[in-house]
Amino acid sequence: MSRLIKELKFFARQGGGSHKTCHDRTRIAGRLGALLLSLNIQVKSLSHLKAKHVEHYVDARLSQGIAKRTVQNEMSALRNIFRMAGREKLETSPRLSNQALGLSGTSRAGTKQAIPDATFQVVYQKALEHDAGFAVTLKLARLMGLRSQEAVQCSASLKSWRKQLEQPEPKLHVVFGTKGGRPRQTRVLNVAAVKEAVEQAIAIAEQRGGRLIDKPDLRQAMNYWRTHTTRIGLTGRHSPHSLRYAWAQDALAFYQQNGFSRQEARALVSMDLGHGDGRGRYVERVYSQGGLE
């Protein structure tokens, strides 16, 4: 079985994608191997893996209460591994289609909603009482539509942002922690509020060796972020990603109020979020849950 796990992880790393995508795929590969081992299912190598073994995995994940959409994503990763390993018949097996596995009928819209301003103020005050650096990181995530890792790593960009905020109609360069390592420029919707937050952040970072979250490495900083966002109430529909949803709603309204058509606004927000201009309709449908019509 150890050989199977090694092979699964090897081909998981061969499948391309960002560092995070490869990391997630490798973790899923290890989970499949570990599950088969726990069920005492003996599979010597990837060449001996069968559709029924993957079905056992899916059944186990669903029985653990894992969402269908999550298991769909895991199956996509496993199909990628099978393809890289030359197991095309297993990859395309009718038994392993989403419909056959009972995974069809889900939506990409997800379960998150834009966090209401009043709710954000409550969690922000809780954060402020505990850790000013964590609180200002949270504020920047809300003001700039940052993903969690982008927010945690934004301290490296603060002085650049200070300069960029002096430009007319400023856009901030989001460089660190981006998905797939793709930097982007994000329009500043409220210049005064962002300037204030950036100055607060710079003052705190200067006291902490350049960090907002005072941990020695990214892994520990992300663990701190996840633990403390949960502790202050950012869970479920209002997880940290709901701050990004709220920013997207604000941005759609901002662009339309400034003379852009709805279609143009969608494309601009999509680019601001780092999705490219071709996913505007998706952004409006998904990110506008719980608010904008």
Protein backbone atom coordinates (compact mmCIF):
# COMPACT_ATOMS: atom_id res chain seq x y z
CA MET A 1 0.00 0.00 0.00
CA SER A 2 2.89 2.37 0.67
CA ARG A 3 3.87 1.90 -2.97
CA LEU A 4 0.37 2.89 -4.06
CA ILE A 5 0.46 6.07 -1.96
CA LYS A 6 3.90 6.97 -3.30
CA GLU A 7 2.72 6.47 -6.89
CA LEU A 8 -0.48 8.47 -6.33
CA LYS A 9 1.48 11.37 -4.85
CA PHE A 10 4.11 11.21 -7.60
CA PHE A 11 1.55 11.53 -10.39
CA ALA A 12 -0.38 14.15 -8.39
CA ARG A 13 2.71 16.36 -8.63
CA GLN A 14 2.97 15.79 -12.39
CA GLY A 15 -0.47 17.15 -13.21
CA GLY A 16 0.38 20.84 -13.53
CA GLY A 17 -1.36 23.82 -11.99
CA SER A 18 -0.34 26.23 -9.27
CA HIS A 19 1.64 25.24 -6.20
CA LYS A 20 -1.60 25.19 -4.17
CA THR A 21 -3.37 23.04 -6.78
CA CYS A 22 -0.52 20.51 -6.75
CA HIS A 23 -0.43 20.55 -2.95
CA ASP A 24 -4.19 19.94 -2.70
CA ARG A 25 -4.06 17.17 -5.32
CA THR A 26 -1.20 15.46 -3.46
CA ARG A 27 -3.17 15.63 -0.21
CA ILE A 28 -6.21 14.04 -1.91
CA ALA A 29 -3.96 11.29 -3.31
CA GLY A 30 -2.67 10.52 0.17
CA ARG A 31 -6.21 10.52 1.55
CA LEU A 32 -7.33 7.93 -1.04
CA GLY A 33 -4.42 5.64 -0.19
CA ALA A 34 -4.91 6.05 3.56
CA LEU A 35 -8.64 5.31 3.30
CA LEU A 36 -8.07 2.08 1.37
CA LEU A 37 -5.50 1.09 3.98
CA SER A 38 -7.94 1.79 6.83
CA LEU A 39 -10.56 -0.39 5.09
CA ASN A 40 -7.97 -3.17 4.76
CA ILE A 41 -8.30 -3.07 0.97
CA GLN A 42 -5.03 -4.38 -0.44
CA VAL A 43 -3.95 -2.57 -3.62
CA LYS A 44 -0.27 -3.04 -4.41
CA SER A 45 0.16 -0.27 -6.97
CA LEU A 46 -1.70 2.28 -9.05
CA SER A 47 -1.87 -0.19 -11.94
CA HIS A 48 -4.05 -2.44 -9.74
CA LEU A 49 -6.44 0.33 -8.65
CA LYS A 50 -10.03 -0.31 -9.80
CA ALA A 51 -13.22 1.71 -10.08
CA LYS A 52 -14.71 -0.06 -7.06
CA HIS A 53 -11.84 1.22 -4.91
CA VAL A 54 -12.58 4.81 -5.94
CA GLU A 55 -16.29 4.21 -5.27
CA HIS A 56 -15.37 3.15 -1.72
CA TYR A 57 -13.50 6.43 -1.33
CA VAL A 58 -16.44 8.55 -2.53
CA ASP A 59 -18.91 6.66 -0.32
CA ALA A 60 -16.66 7.17 2.69
CA ARG A 61 -16.27 10.91 2.05
CA LEU A 62 -20.01 11.42 1.65
CA SER A 63 -20.71 9.39 4.80
CA GLN A 64 -18.36 11.75 6.67
CA GLY A 65 -20.66 14.63 5.74
CA ILE A 66 -18.33 16.12 3.13
CA ALA A 67 -20.26 18.30 0.66
CA LYS A 68 -20.94 16.88 -2.79
CA ARG A 69 -19.25 19.84 -4.42
CA THR A 70 -16.08 19.18 -2.42
CA VAL A 71 -16.08 15.50 -3.42
CA GLN A 72 -16.63 16.56 -7.05
CA ASN A 73 -13.45 18.62 -6.82
CA GLU A 74 -11.61 15.68 -5.27
CA MET A 75 -12.76 13.40 -8.10
CA SER A 76 -11.50 15.94 -10.62
CA ALA A 77 -8.09 15.78 -8.93
CA LEU A 78 -8.11 11.97 -8.94
CA ARG A 79 -9.04 11.85 -12.63
CA ASN A 80 -6.08 14.11 -13.32
CA ILE A 81 -3.83 11.66 -11.44
CA PHE A 82 -5.21 8.67 -13.36
CA ARG A 83 -4.62 10.48 -16.65
CA MET A 84 -1.03 11.33 -15.74
CA ALA A 85 -0.46 7.68 -14.77
CA GLY A 86 -1.74 6.44 -18.14
CA ARG A 87 -4.94 5.01 -16.62
CA GLU A 88 -7.27 6.61 -19.18
CA LYS A 89 -9.85 3.82 -18.90
CA LEU A 90 -10.11 4.39 -15.16
CA GLU A 91 -10.23 8.16 -15.66
CA THR A 92 -13.16 7.91 -18.10
CA SER A 93 -14.92 4.93 -16.51
CA PRO A 94 -18.73 5.38 -16.61
CA ARG A 95 -18.78 4.07 -13.03
CA LEU A 96 -16.75 7.10 -11.95
CA SER A 97 -18.84 9.81 -13.58
CA ASN A 98 -20.32 12.36 -11.19
CA GLN A 99 -23.80 11.09 -11.99
CA ALA A 100 -22.90 7.44 -11.32
CA LEU A 101 -21.21 8.42 -8.05
CA GLY A 102 -24.24 10.41 -6.89
CA LEU A 103 -22.41 13.73 -7.14
CA SER A 104 -24.43 15.45 -9.86
CA GLY A 105 -26.87 18.29 -9.35
CA THR A 106 -24.52 20.59 -7.45
CA SER A 107 -23.83 24.23 -8.21
CA ARG A 108 -20.59 26.20 -8.50
CA ALA A 109 -22.32 29.03 -6.69
CA GLY A 110 -21.08 27.74 -3.35
CA THR A 111 -22.51 28.45 0.09
CA LYS A 112 -20.94 31.78 1.06
CA GLN A 113 -22.73 35.14 1.29
CA ALA A 114 -21.43 38.68 1.39
CA ILE A 115 -20.90 39.65 5.01
CA PRO A 116 -23.19 42.55 6.05
CA ASP A 117 -21.37 45.69 7.20
CA ALA A 118 -22.88 45.46 10.69
CA THR A 119 -21.66 41.87 11.08
CA PHE A 120 -18.21 42.82 9.85
CA GLN A 121 -17.97 45.65 12.39
CA VAL A 122 -18.77 43.21 15.20
CA VAL A 123 -16.06 40.72 14.18
CA TYR A 124 -13.60 43.53 13.48
CA GLN A 125 -14.03 44.90 17.01
CA LYS A 126 -13.44 41.41 18.43
CA ALA A 127 -10.27 41.15 16.36
CA LEU A 128 -9.12 44.60 17.48
CA GLU A 129 -9.52 43.67 21.14
CA HIS A 130 -7.27 40.66 20.60
CA ASP A 131 -4.59 41.73 18.08
CA ALA A 132 -4.28 45.03 16.20
CA GLY A 133 -2.20 43.45 13.43
CA PHE A 134 -4.78 40.74 12.84
CA ALA A 135 -7.56 43.35 12.90
CA VAL A 136 -5.97 45.61 10.27
CA THR A 137 -5.28 42.56 8.08
CA LEU A 138 -8.98 41.78 8.31
CA LYS A 139 -9.83 45.39 7.43
CA LEU A 140 -7.57 45.35 4.35
CA ALA A 141 -9.14 42.06 3.22
CA ARG A 142 -12.58 43.71 3.36
CA LEU A 143 -11.50 46.99 1.74
CA MET A 144 -9.58 45.35 -1.13
CA GLY A 145 -11.37 42.03 -1.70
CA LEU A 146 -8.31 39.99 -0.72
CA ARG A 147 -8.18 36.23 -0.38
CA SER A 148 -6.98 34.96 3.00
CA GLN A 149 -3.39 34.27 1.95
CA GLU A 150 -3.20 37.57 0.06
CA ALA A 151 -4.28 39.38 3.22
CA VAL A 152 -1.80 37.54 5.43
CA GLN A 153 1.07 38.31 3.02
CA CYS A 154 0.08 41.89 2.17
CA SER A 155 2.54 43.36 4.70
CA ALA A 156 5.26 42.96 2.05
CA SER A 157 3.36 45.38 -0.23
CA LEU A 158 2.31 48.08 2.22
CA LYS A 159 4.92 50.69 1.29
CA SER A 160 4.29 50.14 -2.43
CA TRP A 161 0.58 50.56 -1.78
CA ARG A 162 1.24 53.83 0.04
CA LYS A 163 2.85 55.19 -3.15
CA GLN A 164 0.16 53.77 -5.44
CA LEU A 165 -2.54 55.45 -3.35
CA GLU A 166 -1.15 58.85 -4.36
CA GLN A 167 -2.13 58.23 -7.99
CA PRO A 168 -5.48 59.46 -9.38
CA GLU A 169 -8.08 56.66 -9.38
CA PRO A 170 -5.55 54.33 -7.73
CA LYS A 171 -5.21 50.61 -8.22
CA LEU A 172 -3.17 48.50 -5.83
CA HIS A 173 -0.85 45.76 -7.06
CA VAL A 174 -1.70 42.49 -5.29
CA VAL A 175 1.44 40.39 -5.69
CA PHE A 176 1.93 38.00 -2.77
CA GLY A 177 -0.27 35.02 -1.94
CA THR A 178 -2.29 35.21 -5.16
CA LYS A 179 -3.91 32.14 -6.66
CA GLY A 180 -1.57 30.51 -9.15
CA GLY A 181 1.03 33.19 -8.45
CA ARG A 182 -0.75 35.58 -10.82
CA PRO A 183 -0.38 39.21 -9.66
CA ARG A 184 -3.23 41.61 -10.36
CA GLN A 185 -4.28 45.22 -9.94
CA THR A 186 -7.36 45.97 -7.87
CA ARG A 187 -9.28 49.25 -8.02
CA VAL A 188 -9.49 51.18 -4.76
CA LEU A 189 -13.16 51.94 -4.09
CA ASN A 190 -12.74 54.05 -0.93
CA VAL A 191 -9.39 55.83 -1.15
CA ALA A 192 -9.60 57.53 2.25
CA ALA A 193 -10.47 54.31 4.10
CA VAL A 194 -7.74 52.32 2.35
CA LYS A 195 -5.14 55.04 3.01
CA GLU A 196 -6.04 55.02 6.70
CA ALA A 197 -5.84 51.21 6.87
CA VAL A 198 -2.49 51.11 5.03
CA GLU A 199 -0.99 53.71 7.38
CA GLN A 200 -2.24 51.77 10.41
CA ALA A 201 -0.78 48.59 8.94
CA ILE A 202 2.62 50.17 8.23
CA ALA A 203 2.85 51.47 11.80
CA ILE A 204 2.09 48.01 13.22
CA ALA A 205 4.38 46.17 10.79
CA GLU A 206 7.29 48.46 11.69
CA GLN A 207 6.97 47.31 15.31
CA ARG A 208 6.84 43.62 14.30
CA GLY A 209 9.77 43.24 11.95
CA GLY A 210 7.66 43.88 8.85
CA ARG A 211 4.83 41.51 9.76
CA LEU A 212 1.18 42.18 10.57
CA ILE A 213 0.59 38.70 11.96
CA ASP A 214 3.54 38.16 14.24
CA LYS A 215 4.54 34.62 13.29
CA PRO A 216 7.92 33.47 11.94
CA ASP A 217 6.69 31.85 8.72
CA LEU A 218 3.71 31.70 6.37
CA ARG A 219 2.45 28.33 7.60
CA GLN A 220 2.20 29.53 11.19
CA ALA A 221 0.70 32.86 10.10
CA MET A 222 -2.01 31.08 8.06
CA ASN A 223 -2.77 28.75 10.98
CA TYR A 224 -3.12 31.83 13.21
CA TRP A 225 -5.41 33.49 10.65
CA ARG A 226 -7.66 30.42 10.33
CA THR A 227 -7.86 29.85 14.08
CA HIS A 228 -8.63 33.45 14.96
CA THR A 229 -11.07 34.20 12.13
CA THR A 230 -13.07 31.20 13.36
CA ARG A 231 -12.77 32.38 16.95
CA ILE A 232 -14.25 35.81 16.19
CA GLY A 233 -17.17 34.29 14.27
CA LEU A 234 -16.09 34.18 10.63
CA THR A 235 -17.48 30.73 9.88
CA GLY A 236 -20.04 29.09 7.61
CA ARG A 237 -21.73 31.47 5.20
CA HIS A 238 -19.73 34.33 6.67
CA SER A 239 -16.28 32.75 6.44
CA PRO A 240 -13.28 35.01 5.64
CA HIS A 241 -14.14 34.64 1.94
CA SER A 242 -17.43 36.45 2.60
CA LEU A 243 -15.37 39.67 2.95
CA ARG A 244 -14.35 39.23 -0.69
CA TYR A 245 -17.98 38.68 -1.67
CA ALA A 246 -18.93 41.93 0.06
CA TRP A 247 -16.16 43.80 -1.76
CA ALA A 248 -17.39 42.40 -5.10
CA GLN A 249 -20.88 43.74 -4.42
CA ASP A 250 -19.45 47.16 -3.59
CA ALA A 251 -17.31 47.11 -6.74
CA LEU A 252 -20.20 46.16 -9.04
CA ALA A 253 -22.22 49.08 -7.64
CA PHE A 254 -19.19 51.42 -7.81
CA TYR A 255 -18.51 50.79 -11.50
CA GLN A 256 -22.17 51.13 -12.51
CA GLN A 257 -22.49 54.37 -10.54
CA ASN A 258 -19.47 55.65 -12.47
CA GLY A 259 -21.10 55.16 -15.86
CA PHE A 260 -20.11 51.62 -16.81
CA SER A 261 -22.71 49.22 -18.16
CA ARG A 262 -23.63 46.15 -16.12
CA GLN A 263 -21.66 43.94 -18.52
CA GLU A 264 -18.60 46.21 -18.29
CA ALA A 265 -18.88 46.35 -14.49
CA ARG A 266 -18.96 42.56 -14.28
CA ALA A 267 -15.83 42.25 -16.43
CA LEU A 268 -13.97 44.92 -14.44
CA VAL A 269 -14.82 43.31 -11.09
CA SER A 270 -13.78 39.92 -12.43
CA MET A 271 -10.36 41.34 -13.34
CA ASP A 272 -10.08 43.13 -9.98
CA LEU A 273 -10.67 39.80 -8.25
CA GLY A 274 -8.06 38.07 -10.38
CA HIS A 275 -10.43 35.98 -12.51
CA GLY A 276 -9.85 37.70 -15.87
CA ASP A 277 -12.47 39.56 -17.91
CA GLY A 278 -14.19 36.41 -19.20
CA ARG A 279 -15.81 35.41 -15.92
CA GLY A 280 -17.93 38.47 -15.22
CA ARG A 281 -21.27 36.68 -15.32
CA TYR A 282 -19.92 33.99 -12.97
CA VAL A 283 -18.60 36.66 -10.58
CA GLU A 284 -21.93 38.45 -10.46
CA ARG A 285 -23.87 35.22 -9.91
CA VAL A 286 -21.57 33.78 -7.25
CA TYR A 287 -20.13 36.80 -5.44
CA SER A 288 -23.40 38.72 -5.30
CA GLN A 289 -25.23 36.18 -3.17
CA GLY A 290 -27.08 37.79 -0.33
CA GLY A 291 -27.13 41.31 -1.67
CA LEU A 292 -26.82 42.87 -5.09
CA GLU A 293 -29.48 42.42 -7.75
